[in-house]
Amino acid sequence: MRRTADEKDREAGFSMIEMLVVLVIVSGVFAAISATVVRRGQTVRPMEAAKQVQALVYQARTDAIARGEVRRFQIIPDQKRFAYGPKEAVELPQDFGINIVTGRELIEEDGTIIVLFLPDGSSSGVDIRITGPDDRLAELSVNWLTGLPKIRAGRAQ
């Protein structure tokens, strides 16, 4: 039995209902993905903040080695601000808590804490504990001998 051109045209391609079903499935997947991405972008976790601070620490250490000069990394506890250089800084959300352990001689009169990075890669050392409102925490430890920062995650107790 031979088919006419009209019959072939009707059978070829997808029906409108099939296209709508695919569109609904694809839009549902996009909605689920975008909701997750938006939620993650709005909440900063202590580990993410610690990684940003760690990047600044690496920059200060690298500059000290490359330039052969002492570099100063600043921690301003009352502003929850970590800074290196004139432009680069990380500010924590106000609902985060920080606890810093360092040498007393490295705390300036205004409360700013200075971490020194020396040309041989070593540092004055510091331990920073960042706690989020959900009791998650990240501990960033800068080794005084190597100047290398390490991060450890956990829960506040």
N, C-alpha and C. Protein backbone atom coordinates (compact mmCIF):
# COMPACT_ATOMS: atom_id res chain seq x y z
N MET A 1 0.84 -1.17 0.00
CA MET A 1 0.00 0.00 0.00
C MET A 1 0.89 1.24 0.00
N ARG A 2 0.58 2.12 -0.85
CA ARG A 2 1.37 3.35 -0.99
C ARG A 2 0.74 4.47 -0.19
N ARG A 3 1.63 5.29 0.40
CA ARG A 3 1.12 6.45 1.18
C ARG A 3 1.26 7.71 0.35
N THR A 4 0.38 8.60 0.61
CA THR A 4 0.45 9.88 -0.09
C THR A 4 1.37 10.82 0.69
N ALA A 5 1.72 11.92 0.10
CA ALA A 5 2.61 12.90 0.74
C ALA A 5 1.98 13.49 2.00
N ASP A 6 0.66 13.66 2.02
CA ASP A 6 -0.02 14.20 3.20
C ASP A 6 0.08 13.24 4.39
N GLU A 7 -0.06 11.95 4.14
CA GLU A 7 0.04 10.97 5.22
C GLU A 7 1.45 10.92 5.79
N LYS A 8 2.46 11.03 4.93
CA LYS A 8 3.85 11.01 5.39
C LYS A 8 4.15 12.25 6.25
N ASP A 9 3.62 13.40 5.87
CA ASP A 9 3.85 14.62 6.62
C ASP A 9 3.23 14.54 8.01
N ARG A 10 2.09 13.92 8.13
CA ARG A 10 1.43 13.80 9.43
C ARG A 10 2.20 12.88 10.38
N GLU A 11 2.84 11.86 9.87
CA GLU A 11 3.57 10.90 10.70
C GLU A 11 4.98 11.39 11.05
N ALA A 12 5.56 12.25 10.29
CA ALA A 12 6.93 12.71 10.54
C ALA A 12 6.95 13.74 11.67
N GLY A 13 8.02 13.72 12.51
CA GLY A 13 8.19 14.70 13.56
C GLY A 13 7.46 14.34 14.84
N PHE A 14 7.43 15.30 15.75
CA PHE A 14 6.81 15.09 17.06
C PHE A 14 5.49 15.82 17.12
N SER A 15 4.59 15.29 17.91
CA SER A 15 3.31 15.96 18.10
C SER A 15 3.49 17.12 19.08
N MET A 16 2.54 18.00 19.12
CA MET A 16 2.60 19.15 20.02
C MET A 16 2.61 18.69 21.47
N ILE A 17 1.88 17.67 21.80
CA ILE A 17 1.84 17.16 23.18
C ILE A 17 3.19 16.62 23.60
N GLU A 18 3.85 15.89 22.70
CA GLU A 18 5.19 15.37 23.02
C GLU A 18 6.16 16.52 23.28
N MET A 19 6.09 17.55 22.47
CA MET A 19 6.97 18.71 22.67
C MET A 19 6.68 19.40 24.01
N LEU A 20 5.42 19.54 24.37
CA LEU A 20 5.07 20.16 25.65
C LEU A 20 5.57 19.33 26.83
N VAL A 21 5.46 18.02 26.75
CA VAL A 21 5.94 17.16 27.83
C VAL A 21 7.45 17.33 28.01
N VAL A 22 8.19 17.36 26.93
CA VAL A 22 9.64 17.55 27.02
C VAL A 22 9.95 18.93 27.61
N LEU A 23 9.23 19.95 27.18
CA LEU A 23 9.45 21.30 27.71
C LEU A 23 9.19 21.38 29.21
N VAL A 24 8.15 20.72 29.68
CA VAL A 24 7.83 20.71 31.10
C VAL A 24 8.94 20.01 31.89
N ILE A 25 9.43 18.90 31.40
CA ILE A 25 10.51 18.16 32.08
C ILE A 25 11.78 19.00 32.14
N VAL A 26 12.16 19.59 31.01
CA VAL A 26 13.38 20.40 30.97
C VAL A 26 13.26 21.62 31.89
N SER A 27 12.11 22.30 31.86
CA SER A 27 11.96 23.47 32.73
C SER A 27 11.97 23.08 34.20
N GLY A 28 11.43 21.91 34.54
CA GLY A 28 11.48 21.43 35.93
C GLY A 28 12.91 21.18 36.39
N VAL A 29 13.72 20.60 35.53
CA VAL A 29 15.13 20.36 35.86
C VAL A 29 15.86 21.69 36.05
N PHE A 30 15.65 22.64 35.14
CA PHE A 30 16.30 23.95 35.27
C PHE A 30 15.87 24.67 36.55
N ALA A 31 14.60 24.57 36.90
CA ALA A 31 14.11 25.22 38.12
C ALA A 31 14.78 24.62 39.35
N ALA A 32 14.92 23.31 39.38
CA ALA A 32 15.57 22.66 40.53
C ALA A 32 17.03 23.06 40.64
N ILE A 33 17.72 23.09 39.52
CA ILE A 33 19.15 23.45 39.52
C ILE A 33 19.33 24.92 39.92
N SER A 34 18.54 25.81 39.33
CA SER A 34 18.72 27.24 39.62
C SER A 34 18.38 27.56 41.07
N ALA A 35 17.40 26.89 41.66
CA ALA A 35 17.06 27.13 43.06
C ALA A 35 18.22 26.73 43.96
N THR A 36 18.88 25.63 43.65
CA THR A 36 20.03 25.19 44.43
C THR A 36 21.19 26.16 44.29
N VAL A 37 21.46 26.61 43.08
CA VAL A 37 22.57 27.54 42.86
C VAL A 37 22.32 28.86 43.57
N VAL A 38 21.10 29.38 43.50
CA VAL A 38 20.78 30.65 44.17
C VAL A 38 20.94 30.51 45.68
N ARG A 39 20.44 29.42 46.25
CA ARG A 39 20.56 29.21 47.69
C ARG A 39 22.01 29.15 48.11
N ARG A 40 22.85 28.44 47.35
CA ARG A 40 24.26 28.32 47.70
C ARG A 40 24.96 29.66 47.57
N GLY A 41 24.55 30.49 46.61
CA GLY A 41 25.20 31.78 46.43
C GLY A 41 24.87 32.77 47.53
N GLN A 42 23.72 32.61 48.18
CA GLN A 42 23.29 33.57 49.19
C GLN A 42 23.89 33.28 50.56
N THR A 43 24.28 32.07 50.83
CA THR A 43 24.81 31.73 52.13
C THR A 43 26.30 31.43 52.03
N VAL A 44 27.07 32.15 52.78
CA VAL A 44 28.50 31.90 52.82
C VAL A 44 28.76 31.01 54.02
N ARG A 45 29.44 29.94 53.80
CA ARG A 45 29.76 29.02 54.88
C ARG A 45 31.16 29.32 55.38
N PRO A 46 31.44 28.94 56.62
CA PRO A 46 32.77 29.19 57.18
C PRO A 46 33.91 28.60 56.33
N MET A 47 33.69 27.43 55.74
CA MET A 47 34.74 26.82 54.92
C MET A 47 35.03 27.66 53.68
N GLU A 48 33.98 28.21 53.05
CA GLU A 48 34.18 29.07 51.89
C GLU A 48 34.92 30.35 52.27
N ALA A 49 34.57 30.92 53.41
CA ALA A 49 35.25 32.12 53.89
C ALA A 49 36.71 31.81 54.20
N ALA A 50 36.97 30.67 54.83
CA ALA A 50 38.35 30.28 55.16
C ALA A 50 39.17 30.09 53.89
N LYS A 51 38.56 29.57 52.84
CA LYS A 51 39.29 29.39 51.58
C LYS A 51 39.65 30.73 50.95
N GLN A 52 38.76 31.72 51.10
CA GLN A 52 39.07 33.05 50.59
C GLN A 52 40.22 33.67 51.37
N VAL A 53 40.20 33.50 52.69
CA VAL A 53 41.29 34.02 53.53
C VAL A 53 42.58 33.28 53.19
N GLN A 54 42.48 31.97 52.99
CA GLN A 54 43.66 31.17 52.64
C GLN A 54 44.29 31.67 51.35
N ALA A 55 43.48 32.05 50.38
CA ALA A 55 44.01 32.58 49.12
C ALA A 55 44.81 33.86 49.35
N LEU A 56 44.33 34.73 50.24
CA LEU A 56 45.08 35.95 50.56
C LEU A 56 46.40 35.62 51.26
N VAL A 57 46.35 34.63 52.15
CA VAL A 57 47.58 34.22 52.86
C VAL A 57 48.60 33.69 51.87
N TYR A 58 48.16 32.85 50.94
CA TYR A 58 49.07 32.34 49.91
C TYR A 58 49.67 33.49 49.10
N GLN A 59 48.85 34.50 48.79
CA GLN A 59 49.34 35.64 48.02
C GLN A 59 50.42 36.40 48.79
N ALA A 60 50.18 36.63 50.08
CA ALA A 60 51.17 37.35 50.90
C ALA A 60 52.48 36.55 50.98
N ARG A 61 52.38 35.25 51.20
CA ARG A 61 53.57 34.40 51.30
C ARG A 61 54.33 34.38 49.97
N THR A 62 53.60 34.23 48.87
CA THR A 62 54.23 34.20 47.55
C THR A 62 54.93 35.52 47.23
N ASP A 63 54.29 36.64 47.55
CA ASP A 63 54.91 37.94 47.32
C ASP A 63 56.18 38.12 48.15
N ALA A 64 56.16 37.67 49.40
CA ALA A 64 57.34 37.79 50.26
C ALA A 64 58.51 37.02 49.66
N ILE A 65 58.25 35.83 49.18
CA ILE A 65 59.32 35.01 48.59
C ILE A 65 59.80 35.62 47.28
N ALA A 66 58.87 36.00 46.41
CA ALA A 66 59.22 36.52 45.08
C ALA A 66 59.96 37.85 45.15
N ARG A 67 59.57 38.72 46.07
CA ARG A 67 60.18 40.05 46.15
C ARG A 67 61.34 40.13 47.14
N GLY A 68 61.49 39.10 47.94
CA GLY A 68 62.58 39.11 48.92
C GLY A 68 62.37 40.13 50.02
N GLU A 69 61.09 40.44 50.32
CA GLU A 69 60.75 41.44 51.33
C GLU A 69 59.70 40.89 52.29
N VAL A 70 59.69 41.40 53.50
CA VAL A 70 58.68 41.03 54.48
C VAL A 70 57.33 41.59 54.02
N ARG A 71 56.30 40.78 54.10
CA ARG A 71 54.95 41.19 53.74
C ARG A 71 54.05 41.10 54.96
N ARG A 72 53.09 42.04 55.06
CA ARG A 72 52.19 42.11 56.22
C ARG A 72 50.77 41.74 55.80
N PHE A 73 50.22 40.75 56.48
CA PHE A 73 48.83 40.33 56.31
C PHE A 73 48.08 40.84 57.53
N GLN A 74 46.99 41.56 57.32
CA GLN A 74 46.27 42.18 58.44
C GLN A 74 44.96 41.45 58.75
N ILE A 75 44.70 41.33 60.04
CA ILE A 75 43.41 40.82 60.51
C ILE A 75 42.83 41.90 61.41
N ILE A 76 41.64 42.37 61.06
CA ILE A 76 40.97 43.40 61.85
C ILE A 76 39.75 42.73 62.49
N PRO A 77 39.92 42.21 63.71
CA PRO A 77 38.87 41.38 64.33
C PRO A 77 37.52 42.07 64.50
N ASP A 78 37.49 43.35 64.93
CA ASP A 78 36.19 43.98 65.19
C ASP A 78 35.40 44.23 63.90
N GLN A 79 36.09 44.27 62.75
CA GLN A 79 35.41 44.41 61.45
C GLN A 79 35.26 43.06 60.74
N LYS A 80 35.83 42.02 61.34
CA LYS A 80 35.84 40.68 60.73
C LYS A 80 36.39 40.76 59.31
N ARG A 81 37.55 41.43 59.22
CA ARG A 81 38.16 41.73 57.92
C ARG A 81 39.58 41.20 57.88
N PHE A 82 39.92 40.59 56.75
CA PHE A 82 41.26 40.06 56.51
C PHE A 82 41.78 40.76 55.26
N ALA A 83 42.96 41.36 55.35
CA ALA A 83 43.43 42.18 54.23
C ALA A 83 44.90 41.94 53.94
N TYR A 84 45.20 41.99 52.66
CA TYR A 84 46.58 41.99 52.20
C TYR A 84 46.66 42.95 51.02
N GLY A 85 47.55 43.93 51.12
CA GLY A 85 47.67 44.91 50.06
C GLY A 85 46.57 45.95 50.16
N PRO A 86 46.63 46.93 49.30
CA PRO A 86 45.67 48.03 49.37
C PRO A 86 44.24 47.67 48.92
N LYS A 87 44.10 46.70 48.03
CA LYS A 87 42.78 46.41 47.47
C LYS A 87 42.19 45.09 47.93
N GLU A 88 43.03 44.13 48.21
CA GLU A 88 42.54 42.78 48.47
C GLU A 88 42.10 42.61 49.92
N ALA A 89 40.84 42.21 50.12
CA ALA A 89 40.33 41.99 51.47
C ALA A 89 39.17 41.00 51.43
N VAL A 90 38.99 40.32 52.55
CA VAL A 90 37.85 39.42 52.73
C VAL A 90 37.14 39.88 53.99
N GLU A 91 35.84 40.14 53.87
CA GLU A 91 35.04 40.52 55.03
C GLU A 91 34.02 39.42 55.30
N LEU A 92 33.96 39.00 56.54
CA LEU A 92 33.01 37.96 56.93
C LEU A 92 31.65 38.57 57.22
N PRO A 93 30.58 37.80 57.03
CA PRO A 93 29.26 38.29 57.41
C PRO A 93 29.21 38.59 58.92
N GLN A 94 28.35 39.50 59.32
CA GLN A 94 28.27 39.92 60.71
C GLN A 94 27.84 38.81 61.67
N ASP A 95 27.12 37.81 61.16
CA ASP A 95 26.68 36.73 62.05
C ASP A 95 27.73 35.64 62.22
N PHE A 96 28.91 35.83 61.66
CA PHE A 96 30.02 34.90 61.85
C PHE A 96 30.82 35.30 63.08
N GLY A 97 31.41 34.31 63.72
CA GLY A 97 32.29 34.58 64.84
C GLY A 97 33.72 34.23 64.45
N ILE A 98 34.68 34.95 65.03
CA ILE A 98 36.09 34.61 64.78
C ILE A 98 36.84 34.58 66.11
N ASN A 99 37.80 33.70 66.16
CA ASN A 99 38.69 33.58 67.31
C ASN A 99 40.09 33.46 66.76
N ILE A 100 41.01 34.29 67.23
CA ILE A 100 42.35 34.33 66.67
C ILE A 100 43.37 34.11 67.78
N VAL A 101 44.35 33.24 67.49
CA VAL A 101 45.44 32.98 68.42
C VAL A 101 46.74 33.36 67.72
N THR A 102 47.47 34.30 68.32
CA THR A 102 48.74 34.75 67.76
C THR A 102 49.60 35.32 68.88
N GLY A 103 50.79 35.73 68.55
CA GLY A 103 51.67 36.34 69.54
C GLY A 103 51.20 37.74 69.92
N ARG A 104 51.33 38.08 71.19
CA ARG A 104 50.88 39.38 71.68
C ARG A 104 51.62 40.54 71.01
N GLU A 105 52.88 40.33 70.67
CA GLU A 105 53.67 41.40 70.06
C GLU A 105 53.20 41.74 68.64
N LEU A 106 52.32 40.92 68.08
CA LEU A 106 51.83 41.16 66.72
C LEU A 106 50.47 41.86 66.70
N ILE A 107 50.00 42.29 67.87
CA ILE A 107 48.72 42.99 67.95
C ILE A 107 49.01 44.48 68.15
N GLU A 108 48.54 45.28 67.22
CA GLU A 108 48.76 46.72 67.29
C GLU A 108 47.80 47.37 68.29
N GLU A 109 48.03 48.63 68.63
CA GLU A 109 47.22 49.32 69.63
C GLU A 109 45.74 49.37 69.27
N ASP A 110 45.42 49.48 67.96
CA ASP A 110 44.02 49.55 67.55
C ASP A 110 43.36 48.17 67.46
N GLY A 111 44.09 47.12 67.81
CA GLY A 111 43.54 45.77 67.79
C GLY A 111 43.82 44.99 66.52
N THR A 112 44.39 45.65 65.53
CA THR A 112 44.74 44.97 64.28
C THR A 112 45.84 43.95 64.54
N ILE A 113 45.66 42.76 64.01
CA ILE A 113 46.65 41.69 64.16
C ILE A 113 47.45 41.61 62.86
N ILE A 114 48.76 41.57 62.99
CA ILE A 114 49.65 41.51 61.84
C ILE A 114 50.28 40.12 61.78
N VAL A 115 50.20 39.51 60.61
CA VAL A 115 50.91 38.26 60.36
C VAL A 115 52.01 38.59 59.37
N LEU A 116 53.25 38.35 59.78
CA LEU A 116 54.38 38.66 58.92
C LEU A 116 54.79 37.45 58.10
N PHE A 117 55.07 37.68 56.81
CA PHE A 117 55.60 36.65 55.93
C PHE A 117 56.99 37.08 55.52
N LEU A 118 57.96 36.21 55.74
CA LEU A 118 59.37 36.51 55.50
C LEU A 118 59.82 35.97 54.15
N PRO A 119 60.90 36.53 53.61
CA PRO A 119 61.38 36.12 52.29
C PRO A 119 61.74 34.63 52.17
N ASP A 120 62.02 33.96 53.28
CA ASP A 120 62.34 32.53 53.22
C ASP A 120 61.09 31.66 53.23
N GLY A 121 59.90 32.27 53.25
CA GLY A 121 58.65 31.53 53.23
C GLY A 121 58.03 31.35 54.60
N SER A 122 58.78 31.58 55.65
CA SER A 122 58.24 31.41 57.00
C SER A 122 57.32 32.58 57.36
N SER A 123 56.64 32.45 58.50
CA SER A 123 55.72 33.50 58.92
C SER A 123 55.74 33.62 60.44
N SER A 124 55.01 34.61 60.94
CA SER A 124 54.88 34.76 62.38
C SER A 124 53.83 33.80 62.93
N GLY A 125 53.05 33.18 62.06
CA GLY A 125 52.07 32.17 62.45
C GLY A 125 50.81 32.76 63.05
N VAL A 126 49.70 32.06 62.84
CA VAL A 126 48.41 32.46 63.40
C VAL A 126 47.44 31.29 63.27
N ASP A 127 46.52 31.20 64.20
CA ASP A 127 45.42 30.24 64.13
C ASP A 127 44.12 31.04 64.13
N ILE A 128 43.29 30.79 63.13
CA ILE A 128 42.03 31.52 62.98
C ILE A 128 40.89 30.50 62.99
N ARG A 129 39.90 30.77 63.81
CA ARG A 129 38.71 29.91 63.88
C ARG A 129 37.52 30.74 63.44
N ILE A 130 36.85 30.31 62.38
CA ILE A 130 35.69 31.01 61.83
C ILE A 130 34.46 30.15 62.10
N THR A 131 33.48 30.73 62.80
CA THR A 131 32.26 29.99 63.15
C THR A 131 31.06 30.66 62.50
N GLY A 132 30.22 29.84 61.85
CA GLY A 132 29.02 30.34 61.21
C GLY A 132 27.83 30.27 62.15
N PRO A 133 26.71 30.87 61.77
CA PRO A 133 25.51 30.86 62.62
C PRO A 133 24.90 29.47 62.78
N ASP A 134 25.24 28.56 61.88
CA ASP A 134 24.70 27.20 61.94
C ASP A 134 25.64 26.24 62.67
N ASP A 135 26.58 26.78 63.46
CA ASP A 135 27.55 26.02 64.25
C ASP A 135 28.59 25.29 63.41
N ARG A 136 28.66 25.56 62.12
CA ARG A 136 29.75 25.02 61.32
C ARG A 136 30.97 25.89 61.55
N LEU A 137 32.14 25.27 61.48
CA LEU A 137 33.34 26.06 61.67
C LEU A 137 34.43 25.61 60.73
N ALA A 138 35.37 26.52 60.52
CA ALA A 138 36.57 26.23 59.75
C ALA A 138 37.74 26.81 60.53
N GLU A 139 38.78 26.03 60.64
CA GLU A 139 39.99 26.49 61.33
C GLU A 139 41.10 26.61 60.30
N LEU A 140 41.68 27.80 60.24
CA LEU A 140 42.78 28.09 59.34
C LEU A 140 44.02 28.28 60.19
N SER A 141 45.01 27.47 59.96
CA SER A 141 46.25 27.54 60.73
C SER A 141 47.40 27.86 59.79
N VAL A 142 48.12 28.96 60.08
CA VAL A 142 49.29 29.34 59.29
C VAL A 142 50.52 28.93 60.08
N ASN A 143 51.26 27.97 59.56
CA ASN A 143 52.44 27.44 60.22
C ASN A 143 53.54 28.50 60.27
N TRP A 144 54.14 28.69 61.42
CA TRP A 144 55.17 29.72 61.56
C TRP A 144 56.45 29.34 60.82
N LEU A 145 56.76 28.06 60.73
CA LEU A 145 58.01 27.63 60.10
C LEU A 145 57.93 27.67 58.58
N THR A 146 56.82 27.17 58.03
CA THR A 146 56.69 27.10 56.57
C THR A 146 55.85 28.23 55.99
N GLY A 147 55.02 28.87 56.80
CA GLY A 147 54.13 29.92 56.31
C GLY A 147 52.94 29.41 55.53
N LEU A 148 52.80 28.09 55.46
CA LEU A 148 51.71 27.50 54.68
C LEU A 148 50.42 27.41 55.50
N PRO A 149 49.30 27.82 54.91
CA PRO A 149 48.01 27.73 55.60
C PRO A 149 47.34 26.38 55.36
N LYS A 150 46.71 25.87 56.41
CA LYS A 150 45.94 24.63 56.29
C LYS A 150 44.56 24.87 56.88
N ILE A 151 43.55 24.27 56.26
CA ILE A 151 42.17 24.44 56.71
C ILE A 151 41.64 23.10 57.21
N ARG A 152 40.88 23.21 58.28
CA ARG A 152 40.20 22.03 58.83
C ARG A 152 38.75 22.44 59.12
N ALA A 153 37.81 21.60 58.71
CA ALA A 153 36.38 21.89 58.92
C ALA A 153 35.87 21.09 60.12
N GLY A 154 34.79 21.57 60.71
CA GLY A 154 34.18 20.86 61.82
C GLY A 154 32.89 21.50 62.25
N ARG A 155 32.47 21.15 63.45
CA ARG A 155 31.26 21.72 64.07
C ARG A 155 31.63 22.34 65.39
N ALA A 156 31.06 23.50 65.70
CA ALA A 156 31.30 24.16 66.98
C ALA A 156 30.64 23.34 68.09
N GLN A 157 31.28 23.34 69.24
CA GLN A 157 30.74 22.55 70.35
C GLN A 157 30.49 23.39 71.56
